[in-house]
């Protein structure tokens, strides 16, 4: 049986061509008016998924 894509993870993670996985930053959805400017700018960039988290998601299909 084929492994189904996990739709929740598919909406959050993005697999780059080199194999790294990008993910958004927490705390950037709402109430950004009270957070300082530097924090909001840093959140716009997003971040990469850590190696330990990559191991956790190995069994879940996210392409």
N, C-alpha and C. Protein backbone atom coordinates (compact mmCIF):
# COMPACT_ATOMS: atom_id res chain seq x y z
N UNK A 1 0.84 -1.18 0.00
CA UNK A 1 0.00 0.00 0.00
C UNK A 1 0.88 1.25 0.00
N UNK A 2 0.51 2.23 -0.80
CA UNK A 2 1.29 3.45 -0.89
C UNK A 2 1.08 4.30 0.37
N UNK A 3 2.15 5.04 0.72
CA UNK A 3 2.09 5.92 1.88
C UNK A 3 1.44 7.23 1.48
N UNK A 4 0.40 7.63 2.21
CA UNK A 4 -0.30 8.86 1.89
C UNK A 4 0.47 10.06 2.43
N UNK A 5 0.37 11.17 1.72
CA UNK A 5 0.99 12.41 2.17
C UNK A 5 0.24 12.94 3.38
N UNK A 6 0.99 13.34 4.41
CA UNK A 6 0.38 13.94 5.59
C UNK A 6 0.07 15.40 5.26
N UNK A 7 -1.22 15.73 5.14
CA UNK A 7 -1.62 17.03 4.63
C UNK A 7 -1.24 18.18 5.56
N UNK A 8 -1.23 17.91 6.89
CA UNK A 8 -0.86 18.97 7.83
C UNK A 8 0.60 19.36 7.68
N UNK A 9 1.46 18.36 7.52
CA UNK A 9 2.90 18.63 7.38
C UNK A 9 3.19 19.22 6.00
N UNK A 10 2.46 18.80 4.99
CA UNK A 10 2.68 19.31 3.64
C UNK A 10 2.47 20.82 3.57
N UNK A 11 1.52 21.32 4.38
CA UNK A 11 1.22 22.75 4.38
C UNK A 11 2.26 23.56 5.14
N UNK A 12 3.08 22.90 5.97
CA UNK A 12 4.01 23.61 6.84
C UNK A 12 5.44 23.51 6.33
N UNK A 13 5.84 22.33 5.85
CA UNK A 13 7.21 22.11 5.42
C UNK A 13 7.36 22.29 3.92
N UNK A 14 8.58 22.65 3.51
CA UNK A 14 8.88 22.82 2.09
C UNK A 14 10.24 22.19 1.82
N UNK A 15 10.29 21.16 0.97
CA UNK A 15 11.54 20.47 0.67
C UNK A 15 12.25 21.20 -0.45
N UNK A 16 13.49 21.60 -0.21
CA UNK A 16 14.28 22.32 -1.20
C UNK A 16 15.04 21.31 -2.07
N UNK A 17 15.52 21.77 -3.23
CA UNK A 17 16.21 20.83 -4.13
C UNK A 17 17.42 20.14 -3.51
N UNK A 18 18.13 20.81 -2.62
CA UNK A 18 19.32 20.21 -2.00
C UNK A 18 19.00 19.18 -0.94
N UNK A 19 17.73 19.04 -0.58
CA UNK A 19 17.34 18.07 0.43
C UNK A 19 17.06 18.70 1.78
N UNK A 20 17.39 19.99 1.94
CA UNK A 20 17.07 20.65 3.20
C UNK A 20 15.58 20.96 3.24
N UNK A 21 15.05 21.10 4.42
CA UNK A 21 13.61 21.33 4.59
C UNK A 21 13.42 22.67 5.27
N UNK A 22 12.67 23.57 4.64
CA UNK A 22 12.42 24.87 5.24
C UNK A 22 11.06 24.87 5.92
N UNK A 23 10.95 25.69 6.96
CA UNK A 23 9.74 25.78 7.75
C UNK A 23 9.61 27.22 8.22
N UNK A 24 8.39 27.66 8.45
CA UNK A 24 8.18 29.02 8.92
C UNK A 24 8.55 29.17 10.37
N UNK A 25 8.61 30.40 10.85
CA UNK A 25 8.93 30.67 12.25
C UNK A 25 7.65 30.76 13.06
N UNK A 26 7.74 30.34 14.30
CA UNK A 26 6.61 30.46 15.21
C UNK A 26 6.45 31.91 15.65
N UNK A 27 5.21 32.29 15.95
CA UNK A 27 4.96 33.62 16.49
C UNK A 27 4.82 34.70 15.45
N UNK A 28 4.60 34.33 14.19
CA UNK A 28 4.51 35.34 13.14
C UNK A 28 3.11 35.48 12.56
N UNK A 29 2.12 34.81 13.14
CA UNK A 29 0.78 34.80 12.56
C UNK A 29 -0.06 36.00 12.99
N UNK A 30 -0.09 36.26 14.30
CA UNK A 30 -0.96 37.34 14.78
C UNK A 30 -0.32 38.01 15.98
N UNK A 31 -0.91 39.12 16.42
CA UNK A 31 -0.38 39.95 17.51
C UNK A 31 1.03 40.42 17.22
N UNK A 32 1.31 40.75 15.96
CA UNK A 32 2.66 41.20 15.60
C UNK A 32 2.86 42.68 15.88
N UNK A 33 1.77 43.39 16.16
CA UNK A 33 1.91 44.82 16.46
C UNK A 33 2.63 45.08 17.76
N UNK A 34 2.48 44.18 18.72
CA UNK A 34 3.14 44.38 20.02
C UNK A 34 4.53 43.78 20.08
N UNK A 35 4.91 43.01 19.06
CA UNK A 35 6.27 42.46 19.01
C UNK A 35 7.17 43.49 18.34
N UNK A 36 8.45 43.47 18.70
CA UNK A 36 9.31 44.50 18.14
C UNK A 36 9.66 44.22 16.69
N UNK A 37 10.15 45.24 16.02
CA UNK A 37 10.36 45.19 14.58
C UNK A 37 11.37 44.13 14.18
N UNK A 38 12.44 44.00 14.98
CA UNK A 38 13.47 43.01 14.65
C UNK A 38 12.92 41.59 14.69
N UNK A 39 12.06 41.31 15.65
CA UNK A 39 11.47 39.97 15.76
C UNK A 39 10.58 39.68 14.57
N UNK A 40 9.80 40.66 14.14
CA UNK A 40 8.91 40.46 12.99
C UNK A 40 9.71 40.24 11.71
N UNK A 41 10.80 40.97 11.54
CA UNK A 41 11.62 40.81 10.34
C UNK A 41 12.31 39.45 10.33
N UNK A 42 12.74 39.01 11.49
CA UNK A 42 13.40 37.70 11.58
C UNK A 42 12.42 36.58 11.27
N UNK A 43 11.17 36.74 11.70
CA UNK A 43 10.15 35.72 11.46
C UNK A 43 9.79 35.59 10.00
N UNK A 44 9.94 36.67 9.23
CA UNK A 44 9.59 36.62 7.80
C UNK A 44 10.47 35.65 7.03
N UNK A 45 11.70 35.50 7.45
CA UNK A 45 12.64 34.65 6.72
C UNK A 45 12.29 33.19 6.82
N UNK A 46 11.81 32.76 7.97
CA UNK A 46 11.62 31.34 8.18
C UNK A 46 12.92 30.71 8.64
N UNK A 47 12.94 29.40 8.75
CA UNK A 47 14.14 28.71 9.20
C UNK A 47 14.20 27.32 8.59
N UNK A 48 15.28 26.62 8.87
CA UNK A 48 15.45 25.25 8.38
C UNK A 48 15.09 24.26 9.47
N UNK A 49 14.60 23.12 9.06
CA UNK A 49 14.24 22.06 10.00
C UNK A 49 15.52 21.43 10.53
N UNK A 50 15.59 21.22 11.83
CA UNK A 50 16.79 20.67 12.44
C UNK A 50 16.94 19.19 12.07
N UNK A 51 18.14 18.69 12.26
CA UNK A 51 18.43 17.29 11.92
C UNK A 51 17.64 16.34 12.80
N UNK A 52 17.45 16.70 14.07
CA UNK A 52 16.71 15.81 14.97
C UNK A 52 15.23 15.75 14.56
N UNK A 53 14.66 16.88 14.13
CA UNK A 53 13.28 16.87 13.67
C UNK A 53 13.15 16.12 12.35
N UNK A 54 14.17 16.20 11.53
CA UNK A 54 14.14 15.48 10.25
C UNK A 54 14.06 13.97 10.49
N UNK A 55 14.74 13.50 11.51
CA UNK A 55 14.68 12.07 11.86
C UNK A 55 13.28 11.69 12.33
N UNK A 56 12.62 12.59 13.08
CA UNK A 56 11.27 12.30 13.56
C UNK A 56 10.29 12.18 12.41
N UNK A 57 10.47 12.98 11.35
CA UNK A 57 9.53 13.00 10.23
C UNK A 57 9.88 12.01 9.14
N UNK A 58 10.86 11.15 9.40
CA UNK A 58 11.33 10.22 8.36
C UNK A 58 10.22 9.28 7.89
N UNK A 59 9.33 8.89 8.81
CA UNK A 59 8.27 7.94 8.44
C UNK A 59 7.07 8.65 7.80
N UNK A 60 7.03 9.98 7.87
CA UNK A 60 5.88 10.74 7.34
C UNK A 60 6.24 11.31 5.98
N UNK A 61 5.36 11.14 5.03
CA UNK A 61 5.59 11.65 3.68
C UNK A 61 5.11 13.10 3.61
N UNK A 62 5.98 14.03 3.16
CA UNK A 62 5.59 15.42 3.11
C UNK A 62 5.89 16.06 1.77
N UNK A 63 5.96 15.29 0.70
CA UNK A 63 6.16 15.86 -0.65
C UNK A 63 4.82 15.98 -1.34
